[in-house]
């Protein structure tokens, strides 16, 4: 059996989940893992027994990077059993449902789906004193392990029943917050007294929202920002922030 994992990760939560999945799956089967940002070749999906597709939740919606990837993938000639997952800081609302439907359009048939609560990349920056936002859900590793085993068992049983999550009614109540989140982009401030002009924020930005000025300092382009905040969390000197007056107290780190 051979499984492919394709993911998009903003700061690192979705990558963390993908790597855990690989760790548990490769004990018994062959696994390949790719980030959609680093794909340099066309993938022959039909050679895999199953596919796992994952991305973060950004304001109760899949990331643009993942949706663009799926848009550019040709419709598969045969059904490919797929496990769809998202990561979120608080709740995913209908993100998994949206992603499942997009996968189905390309014949990546969602036979399983899940959402994992991880560290909230925006919550950590906005309300650093709330510890909930800087933790993973309890027993996340065991849950991922069990769900990977279930996916493999479903593949072995040739279970290709389409399972798209039901519409979550609570998302209607959250709609104003979702709309504001999609329409409003927080400015990202550069604290030059801490910046070492390493360029990590510009080379790491997936959308090109960070450019370098004549002095070598990053310049933020609000119109291109995808709100993943990778630039802030991955800055080695904490020189970027959402707060004009001070730099972040806490940034994202892999589960320790």
C-alpha atoms as a PDB file:
ATOM      1  CA  UNK A   1       0.000   0.000   0.000  1.00  0.00           C
ATOM      2  CA  UNK A   2       1.210   3.493  -0.844  1.00  0.00           C
ATOM      3  CA  UNK A   3      -0.135   6.787   0.510  1.00  0.00           C
ATOM      4  CA  UNK A   4       0.552  10.373  -0.526  1.00  0.00           C
ATOM      5  CA  UNK A   5       0.284  13.314   1.890  1.00  0.00           C
ATOM      6  CA  UNK A   6      -0.074  16.768   0.337  1.00  0.00           C
ATOM      7  CA  UNK A   7      -0.416  19.773   2.608  1.00  0.00           C
ATOM      8  CA  UNK A   8      -0.163  23.520   2.836  1.00  0.00           C
ATOM      9  CA  UNK A   9       1.086  24.951   6.113  1.00  0.00           C
ATOM     10  CA  UNK A  10       1.164  28.590   7.143  1.00  0.00           C
ATOM     11  CA  UNK A  11       3.301  28.739  10.270  1.00  0.00           C
ATOM     12  CA  UNK A  12       3.804  25.007  10.829  1.00  0.00           C
ATOM     13  CA  UNK A  13       0.747  23.439  12.481  1.00  0.00           C
ATOM     14  CA  UNK A  14      -0.421  21.594   9.369  1.00  0.00           C
ATOM     15  CA  UNK A  15       3.129  20.492   8.604  1.00  0.00           C
ATOM     16  CA  UNK A  16       3.416  19.173  12.162  1.00  0.00           C
ATOM     17  CA  UNK A  17       0.259  17.073  11.678  1.00  0.00           C
ATOM     18  CA  UNK A  18       1.468  15.828   8.265  1.00  0.00           C
ATOM     19  CA  UNK A  19       4.790  14.726   9.762  1.00  0.00           C
ATOM     20  CA  UNK A  20       3.016  12.894  12.587  1.00  0.00           C
ATOM     21  CA  UNK A  21       0.845  11.115  10.031  1.00  0.00           C
ATOM     22  CA  UNK A  22       3.931  10.056   8.105  1.00  0.00           C
ATOM     23  CA  UNK A  23       5.557   8.834  11.307  1.00  0.00           C
ATOM     24  CA  UNK A  24       2.630   6.555  12.173  1.00  0.00           C
ATOM     25  CA  UNK A  25       1.815   5.402   8.648  1.00  0.00           C
ATOM     26  CA  UNK A  26       5.321   4.520   7.478  1.00  0.00           C
ATOM     27  CA  UNK A  27       5.624   1.848  10.141  1.00  0.00           C
ATOM     28  CA  UNK A  28       3.636  -0.446   7.896  1.00  0.00           C
ATOM     29  CA  UNK A  29       3.218   1.213   4.485  1.00  0.00           C
ATOM     30  CA  UNK A  30       5.058   3.455   2.037  1.00  0.00           C
ATOM     31  CA  UNK A  31       4.382   7.172   2.484  1.00  0.00           C
ATOM     32  CA  UNK A  32       5.382  10.276   0.510  1.00  0.00           C
ATOM     33  CA  UNK A  33       4.890  13.820   1.854  1.00  0.00           C
ATOM     34  CA  UNK A  34       4.897  17.070  -0.114  1.00  0.00           C
ATOM     35  CA  UNK A  35       4.119  20.693   0.642  1.00  0.00           C
ATOM     36  CA  UNK A  36       2.154  22.370  -2.146  1.00  0.00           C
ATOM     37  CA  UNK A  37       4.700  25.202  -1.983  1.00  0.00           C
ATOM     38  CA  UNK A  38       7.596  22.874  -2.793  1.00  0.00           C
ATOM     39  CA  UNK A  39       6.054  20.712  -5.504  1.00  0.00           C
ATOM     40  CA  UNK A  40       8.331  20.878  -8.533  1.00  0.00           C
ATOM     41  CA  UNK A  41       6.766  18.120 -10.623  1.00  0.00           C
ATOM     42  CA  UNK A  42       3.439  16.717 -11.699  1.00  0.00           C
ATOM     43  CA  UNK A  43       2.279  13.936  -9.433  1.00  0.00           C
ATOM     44  CA  UNK A  44       0.825  10.737 -10.848  1.00  0.00           C
ATOM     45  CA  UNK A  45      -1.928  10.342  -8.269  1.00  0.00           C
ATOM     46  CA  UNK A  46      -3.306   7.097  -9.681  1.00  0.00           C
ATOM     47  CA  UNK A  47      -0.280   5.170  -8.412  1.00  0.00           C
ATOM     48  CA  UNK A  48      -1.317   5.803  -4.796  1.00  0.00           C
ATOM     49  CA  UNK A  49      -3.847   3.750  -2.870  1.00  0.00           C
ATOM     50  CA  UNK A  50      -4.921   6.804  -0.918  1.00  0.00           C
ATOM     51  CA  UNK A  51      -4.227  10.504  -0.536  1.00  0.00           C
ATOM     52  CA  UNK A  52      -4.229  12.771   2.522  1.00  0.00           C
ATOM     53  CA  UNK A  53      -4.844  16.487   1.908  1.00  0.00           C
ATOM     54  CA  UNK A  54      -4.527  19.100   4.642  1.00  0.00           C
ATOM     55  CA  UNK A  55      -4.396  22.862   5.173  1.00  0.00           C
ATOM     56  CA  UNK A  56      -4.948  25.460   7.912  1.00  0.00           C
ATOM     57  CA  UNK A  57      -8.218  27.203   8.690  1.00  0.00           C
ATOM     58  CA  UNK A  58      -8.008  30.938   8.108  1.00  0.00           C
ATOM     59  CA  UNK A  59     -11.177  32.739   9.185  1.00  0.00           C
ATOM     60  CA  UNK A  60     -13.247  29.550   8.819  1.00  0.00           C
ATOM     61  CA  UNK A  61     -12.044  28.898   5.286  1.00  0.00           C
ATOM     62  CA  UNK A  62      -9.338  26.771   3.620  1.00  0.00           C
ATOM     63  CA  UNK A  63      -6.191  28.633   2.636  1.00  0.00           C
ATOM     64  CA  UNK A  64      -5.991  30.252  -0.786  1.00  0.00           C
ATOM     65  CA  UNK A  65      -2.762  28.345  -1.419  1.00  0.00           C
ATOM     66  CA  UNK A  66      -4.508  24.964  -1.057  1.00  0.00           C
ATOM     67  CA  UNK A  67      -7.565  26.014  -3.065  1.00  0.00           C
ATOM     68  CA  UNK A  68      -5.298  27.253  -5.876  1.00  0.00           C
ATOM     69  CA  UNK A  69      -3.434  23.946  -5.806  1.00  0.00           C
ATOM     70  CA  UNK A  70      -6.679  21.961  -6.139  1.00  0.00           C
ATOM     71  CA  UNK A  71      -7.898  24.289  -8.874  1.00  0.00           C
ATOM     72  CA  UNK A  72      -4.784  23.540 -10.933  1.00  0.00           C
ATOM     73  CA  UNK A  73      -4.900  19.765 -10.411  1.00  0.00           C
ATOM     74  CA  UNK A  74      -6.604  17.966 -13.286  1.00  0.00           C
ATOM     75  CA  UNK A  75      -9.707  15.909 -12.585  1.00  0.00           C
ATOM     76  CA  UNK A  76      -8.563  12.356 -11.892  1.00  0.00           C
ATOM     77  CA  UNK A  77      -9.815   9.612 -14.206  1.00  0.00           C
ATOM     78  CA  UNK A  78     -10.527   7.289 -11.293  1.00  0.00           C
ATOM     79  CA  UNK A  79     -11.758   7.857  -7.752  1.00  0.00           C
ATOM     80  CA  UNK A  80      -8.903   8.307  -5.281  1.00  0.00           C
ATOM     81  CA  UNK A  81      -9.839   7.650  -1.621  1.00  0.00           C
ATOM     82  CA  UNK A  82      -8.864  10.731   0.359  1.00  0.00           C
ATOM     83  CA  UNK A  83      -8.496  11.745   3.995  1.00  0.00           C
ATOM     84  CA  UNK A  84      -9.108  15.502   4.294  1.00  0.00           C
ATOM     85  CA  UNK A  85      -7.965  17.439   7.346  1.00  0.00           C
ATOM     86  CA  UNK A  86      -7.600  20.994   8.565  1.00  0.00           C
ATOM     87  CA  UNK A  87      -5.887  22.611  11.518  1.00  0.00           C
ATOM     88  CA  UNK A  88      -7.438  25.460  13.468  1.00  0.00           C
ATOM     89  CA  UNK A  89      -6.761  27.643  16.484  1.00  0.00           C
ATOM     90  CA  UNK A  90     -10.255  27.576  17.945  1.00  0.00           C
ATOM     91  CA  UNK A  91     -12.772  25.933  15.601  1.00  0.00           C
ATOM     92  CA  UNK A  92     -12.858  25.150  11.890  1.00  0.00           C
ATOM     93  CA  UNK A  93     -16.601  25.792  11.272  1.00  0.00           C
ATOM     94  CA  UNK A  94     -17.247  24.500   7.716  1.00  0.00           C
ATOM     95  CA  UNK A  95     -13.632  24.573   6.527  1.00  0.00           C
ATOM     96  CA  UNK A  96     -13.402  20.773   6.301  1.00  0.00           C
ATOM     97  CA  UNK A  97     -16.707  20.615   4.420  1.00  0.00           C
ATOM     98  CA  UNK A  98     -15.531  23.230   1.896  1.00  0.00           C
ATOM     99  CA  UNK A  99     -12.223  21.436   1.370  1.00  0.00           C
ATOM    100  CA  UNK A 100     -13.953  18.055   0.994  1.00  0.00           C
ATOM    101  CA  UNK A 101     -16.250  19.431  -1.701  1.00  0.00           C
ATOM    102  CA  UNK A 102     -13.318  20.937  -3.587  1.00  0.00           C
ATOM    103  CA  UNK A 103     -11.465  17.610  -3.418  1.00  0.00           C
ATOM    104  CA  UNK A 104     -14.527  15.734  -4.669  1.00  0.00           C
ATOM    105  CA  UNK A 105     -14.661  17.957  -7.768  1.00  0.00           C
ATOM    106  CA  UNK A 106     -11.252  16.547  -8.726  1.00  0.00           C
ATOM    107  CA  UNK A 107     -12.206  12.934  -7.885  1.00  0.00           C
ATOM    108  CA  UNK A 108     -10.249  12.957  -4.627  1.00  0.00           C
ATOM    109  CA  UNK A 109     -13.103  11.233  -2.815  1.00  0.00           C
ATOM    110  CA  UNK A 110     -13.275  12.175   0.898  1.00  0.00           C
ATOM    111  CA  UNK A 111     -13.860   8.924   2.763  1.00  0.00           C
ATOM    112  CA  UNK A 112     -12.577  10.479   6.000  1.00  0.00           C
ATOM    113  CA  UNK A 113     -12.145  13.998   7.347  1.00  0.00           C
ATOM    114  CA  UNK A 114     -10.979  15.631  10.537  1.00  0.00           C
ATOM    115  CA  UNK A 115     -10.028  18.929  12.155  1.00  0.00           C
ATOM    116  CA  UNK A 116      -7.242  19.291  14.722  1.00  0.00           C
ATOM    117  CA  UNK A 117      -7.086  22.160  17.192  1.00  0.00           C
ATOM    118  CA  UNK A 118      -3.540  23.454  17.234  1.00  0.00           C
ATOM    119  CA  UNK A 119      -1.783  26.580  18.414  1.00  0.00           C
ATOM    120  CA  UNK A 120      -3.675  29.699  17.302  1.00  0.00           C
ATOM    121  CA  UNK A 121      -1.166  31.672  15.248  1.00  0.00           C
ATOM    122  CA  UNK A 122      -3.208  34.875  15.466  1.00  0.00           C
ATOM    123  CA  UNK A 123      -4.503  34.309  19.009  1.00  0.00           C
ATOM    124  CA  UNK A 124      -0.956  33.950  20.351  1.00  0.00           C
ATOM    125  CA  UNK A 125      -0.120  37.376  18.935  1.00  0.00           C
ATOM    126  CA  UNK A 126      -3.326  39.184  19.871  1.00  0.00           C
ATOM    127  CA  UNK A 127      -3.921  37.753  23.365  1.00  0.00           C
ATOM    128  CA  UNK A 128      -0.622  36.163  24.459  1.00  0.00           C
ATOM    129  CA  UNK A 129      -1.733  35.781  28.084  1.00  0.00           C
ATOM    130  CA  UNK A 130      -4.489  33.310  27.135  1.00  0.00           C
ATOM    131  CA  UNK A 131      -2.646  29.984  27.417  1.00  0.00           C
ATOM    132  CA  UNK A 132      -5.356  28.122  25.500  1.00  0.00           C
ATOM    133  CA  UNK A 133      -4.160  29.701  22.259  1.00  0.00           C
ATOM    134  CA  UNK A 134      -0.589  28.446  22.704  1.00  0.00           C
ATOM    135  CA  UNK A 135      -1.472  24.769  23.231  1.00  0.00           C
ATOM    136  CA  UNK A 136      -2.574  21.799  21.151  1.00  0.00           C
ATOM    137  CA  UNK A 137      -5.727  19.848  21.869  1.00  0.00           C
ATOM    138  CA  UNK A 138      -5.276  17.091  24.437  1.00  0.00           C
ATOM    139  CA  UNK A 139      -3.981  13.755  23.132  1.00  0.00           C
ATOM    140  CA  UNK A 140      -3.622  15.095  19.602  1.00  0.00           C
ATOM    141  CA  UNK A 141      -0.888  12.579  18.764  1.00  0.00           C
ATOM    142  CA  UNK A 142      -3.003   9.574  19.798  1.00  0.00           C
ATOM    143  CA  UNK A 143      -5.947  10.930  17.870  1.00  0.00           C
ATOM    144  CA  UNK A 144      -3.876  11.368  14.714  1.00  0.00           C
ATOM    145  CA  UNK A 145      -2.443   7.860  15.134  1.00  0.00           C
ATOM    146  CA  UNK A 146      -5.905   6.305  15.529  1.00  0.00           C
ATOM    147  CA  UNK A 147      -7.350   8.169  12.577  1.00  0.00           C
ATOM    148  CA  UNK A 148      -4.421   7.190  10.352  1.00  0.00           C
ATOM    149  CA  UNK A 149      -5.007   3.539  11.290  1.00  0.00           C
ATOM    150  CA  UNK A 150      -8.699   3.930  10.509  1.00  0.00           C
ATOM    151  CA  UNK A 151      -7.887   5.414   7.090  1.00  0.00           C
ATOM    152  CA  UNK A 152      -5.578   2.505   6.266  1.00  0.00           C
ATOM    153  CA  UNK A 153      -8.239   0.012   7.380  1.00  0.00           C
ATOM    154  CA  UNK A 154     -10.817   1.728   5.182  1.00  0.00           C
ATOM    155  CA  UNK A 155      -8.442   1.510   2.224  1.00  0.00           C
ATOM    156  CA  UNK A 156      -7.863  -2.178   2.887  1.00  0.00           C
ATOM    157  CA  UNK A 157     -11.635  -2.740   2.909  1.00  0.00           C
ATOM    158  CA  UNK A 158     -11.954  -0.785  -0.364  1.00  0.00           C
ATOM    159  CA  UNK A 159     -14.259   1.620   1.447  1.00  0.00           C
ATOM    160  CA  UNK A 160     -14.857   4.472  -1.015  1.00  0.00           C
ATOM    161  CA  UNK A 161     -18.092   5.841   0.392  1.00  0.00           C
ATOM    162  CA  UNK A 162     -18.181   9.628   0.101  1.00  0.00           C
ATOM    163  CA  UNK A 163     -18.307  11.269   3.530  1.00  0.00           C
ATOM    164  CA  UNK A 164     -18.684  15.046   3.463  1.00  0.00           C
ATOM    165  CA  UNK A 165     -19.309  16.673   6.864  1.00  0.00           C
ATOM    166  CA  UNK A 166     -22.689  18.261   7.425  1.00  0.00           C
ATOM    167  CA  UNK A 167     -23.079  22.024   7.386  1.00  0.00           C
ATOM    168  CA  UNK A 168     -22.391  23.397  10.876  1.00  0.00           C
ATOM    169  CA  UNK A 169     -25.170  25.740  11.921  1.00  0.00           C
ATOM    170  CA  UNK A 170     -23.034  27.612  14.453  1.00  0.00           C
ATOM    171  CA  UNK A 171     -21.069  29.015  11.526  1.00  0.00           C
ATOM    172  CA  UNK A 172     -24.070  31.261  10.742  1.00  0.00           C
ATOM    173  CA  UNK A 173     -23.697  32.959  14.130  1.00  0.00           C
ATOM    174  CA  UNK A 174     -19.988  33.398  13.426  1.00  0.00           C
ATOM    175  CA  UNK A 175     -20.570  34.908   9.963  1.00  0.00           C
ATOM    176  CA  UNK A 176     -19.959  38.566  10.991  1.00  0.00           C
ATOM    177  CA  UNK A 177     -16.627  37.576  12.535  1.00  0.00           C
ATOM    178  CA  UNK A 178     -15.751  35.541   9.434  1.00  0.00           C
ATOM    179  CA  UNK A 179     -16.590  38.456   7.140  1.00  0.00           C
ATOM    180  CA  UNK A 180     -14.551  40.915   9.188  1.00  0.00           C
ATOM    181  CA  UNK A 181     -11.629  38.504   9.268  1.00  0.00           C
ATOM    182  CA  UNK A 182     -11.681  38.137   5.506  1.00  0.00           C
ATOM    183  CA  UNK A 183     -12.072  41.850   4.814  1.00  0.00           C
ATOM    184  CA  UNK A 184      -9.672  43.258   7.416  1.00  0.00           C
ATOM    185  CA  UNK A 185      -5.925  42.701   7.235  1.00  0.00           C
ATOM    186  CA  UNK A 186      -3.936  43.772  10.269  1.00  0.00           C
ATOM    187  CA  UNK A 187      -0.811  45.791   9.450  1.00  0.00           C
ATOM    188  CA  UNK A 188       2.467  44.065  10.254  1.00  0.00           C
ATOM    189  CA  UNK A 189       4.987  46.370  11.896  1.00  0.00           C
ATOM    190  CA  UNK A 190       8.741  46.174  11.449  1.00  0.00           C
ATOM    191  CA  UNK A 191      10.847  46.993  14.540  1.00  0.00           C
ATOM    192  CA  UNK A 192      14.121  48.068  12.982  1.00  0.00           C
ATOM    193  CA  UNK A 193      15.957  48.093  16.330  1.00  0.00           C
ATOM    194  CA  UNK A 194      15.603  44.286  16.417  1.00  0.00           C
ATOM    195  CA  UNK A 195      15.726  43.459  12.704  1.00  0.00           C
ATOM    196  CA  UNK A 196      19.026  41.921  11.547  1.00  0.00           C
ATOM    197  CA  UNK A 197      18.010  42.129   7.871  1.00  0.00           C
ATOM    198  CA  UNK A 198      18.363  38.365   7.397  1.00  0.00           C
ATOM    199  CA  UNK A 199      15.609  38.276   4.753  1.00  0.00           C
ATOM    200  CA  UNK A 200      13.878  35.239   6.261  1.00  0.00           C
ATOM    201  CA  UNK A 201      10.515  37.024   6.344  1.00  0.00           C
ATOM    202  CA  UNK A 202      10.687  37.853   2.641  1.00  0.00           C
ATOM    203  CA  UNK A 203      11.971  34.518   1.367  1.00  0.00           C
ATOM    204  CA  UNK A 204       9.510  32.646   3.600  1.00  0.00           C
ATOM    205  CA  UNK A 205       6.410  34.626   2.685  1.00  0.00           C
ATOM    206  CA  UNK A 206       4.297  32.414   0.368  1.00  0.00           C
ATOM    207  CA  UNK A 207       2.391  35.330  -1.173  1.00  0.00           C
ATOM    208  CA  UNK A 208       5.188  37.861  -1.607  1.00  0.00           C
ATOM    209  CA  UNK A 209       3.687  40.284   0.922  1.00  0.00           C
ATOM    210  CA  UNK A 210       7.135  41.117   2.277  1.00  0.00           C
ATOM    211  CA  UNK A 211       9.661  43.012   0.150  1.00  0.00           C
ATOM    212  CA  UNK A 212      13.099  44.414   0.900  1.00  0.00           C
ATOM    213  CA  UNK A 213      13.731  48.174   0.799  1.00  0.00           C
ATOM    214  CA  UNK A 214      16.960  49.898  -0.213  1.00  0.00           C
ATOM    215  CA  UNK A 215      18.341  49.602   3.308  1.00  0.00           C
ATOM    216  CA  UNK A 216      17.648  45.878   3.494  1.00  0.00           C
ATOM    217  CA  UNK A 217      14.643  46.098   5.805  1.00  0.00           C
ATOM    218  CA  UNK A 218      11.351  44.310   5.080  1.00  0.00           C
ATOM    219  CA  UNK A 219       8.373  46.306   3.783  1.00  0.00           C
ATOM    220  CA  UNK A 220       4.852  44.949   4.250  1.00  0.00           C
ATOM    221  CA  UNK A 221       2.381  44.894   1.339  1.00  0.00           C
ATOM    222  CA  UNK A 222      -1.086  44.620   2.897  1.00  0.00           C
ATOM    223  CA  UNK A 223      -2.791  43.771  -0.405  1.00  0.00           C
ATOM    224  CA  UNK A 224      -0.879  40.480  -0.790  1.00  0.00           C
ATOM    225  CA  UNK A 225      -1.037  39.174   2.778  1.00  0.00           C
ATOM    226  CA  UNK A 226      -2.738  35.784   3.255  1.00  0.00           C
ATOM    227  CA  UNK A 227      -2.825  36.235   7.073  1.00  0.00           C
ATOM    228  CA  UNK A 228      -0.736  33.186   7.907  1.00  0.00           C
ATOM    229  CA  UNK A 229       1.674  35.346   9.984  1.00  0.00           C
ATOM    230  CA  UNK A 230       4.585  33.093   9.110  1.00  0.00           C
ATOM    231  CA  UNK A 231       6.813  36.147   8.840  1.00  0.00           C
ATOM    232  CA  UNK A 232       6.132  37.112  12.466  1.00  0.00           C
ATOM    233  CA  UNK A 233       6.402  33.647  13.970  1.00  0.00           C
ATOM    234  CA  UNK A 234       9.507  32.625  12.018  1.00  0.00           C
ATOM    235  CA  UNK A 235      11.474  35.829  12.587  1.00  0.00           C
ATOM    236  CA  UNK A 236      14.611  34.804  14.548  1.00  0.00           C
ATOM    237  CA  UNK A 237      14.725  38.124  16.444  1.00  0.00           C
ATOM    238  CA  UNK A 238      10.976  38.752  16.947  1.00  0.00           C
ATOM    239  CA  UNK A 239      11.332  41.955  14.923  1.00  0.00           C
ATOM    240  CA  UNK A 240       7.833  41.804  13.387  1.00  0.00           C
ATOM    241  CA  UNK A 241       4.525  42.201  15.167  1.00  0.00           C
ATOM    242  CA  UNK A 242       0.856  43.180  14.974  1.00  0.00           C
ATOM    243  CA  UNK A 243       1.515  45.713  17.720  1.00  0.00           C
ATOM    244  CA  UNK A 244       3.111  49.000  16.722  1.00  0.00           C
ATOM    245  CA  UNK A 245       4.609  49.580  20.179  1.00  0.00           C
ATOM    246  CA  UNK A 246       6.086  46.205  21.105  1.00  0.00           C
ATOM    247  CA  UNK A 247       7.272  42.900  19.677  1.00  0.00           C
ATOM    248  CA  UNK A 248       5.554  39.536  20.353  1.00  0.00           C
ATOM    249  CA  UNK A 249       5.738  38.009  23.819  1.00  0.00           C
ATOM    250  CA  UNK A 250       5.105  34.501  22.422  1.00  0.00           C
ATOM    251  CA  UNK A 251       5.566  33.054  18.944  1.00  0.00           C
ATOM    252  CA  UNK A 252       4.645  29.696  17.417  1.00  0.00           C
ATOM    253  CA  UNK A 253       6.881  26.747  18.259  1.00  0.00           C
ATOM    254  CA  UNK A 254       6.595  23.087  17.366  1.00  0.00           C
ATOM    255  CA  UNK A 255       5.010  20.959  20.098  1.00  0.00           C
ATOM    256  CA  UNK A 256       7.690  20.458  22.746  1.00  0.00           C
END
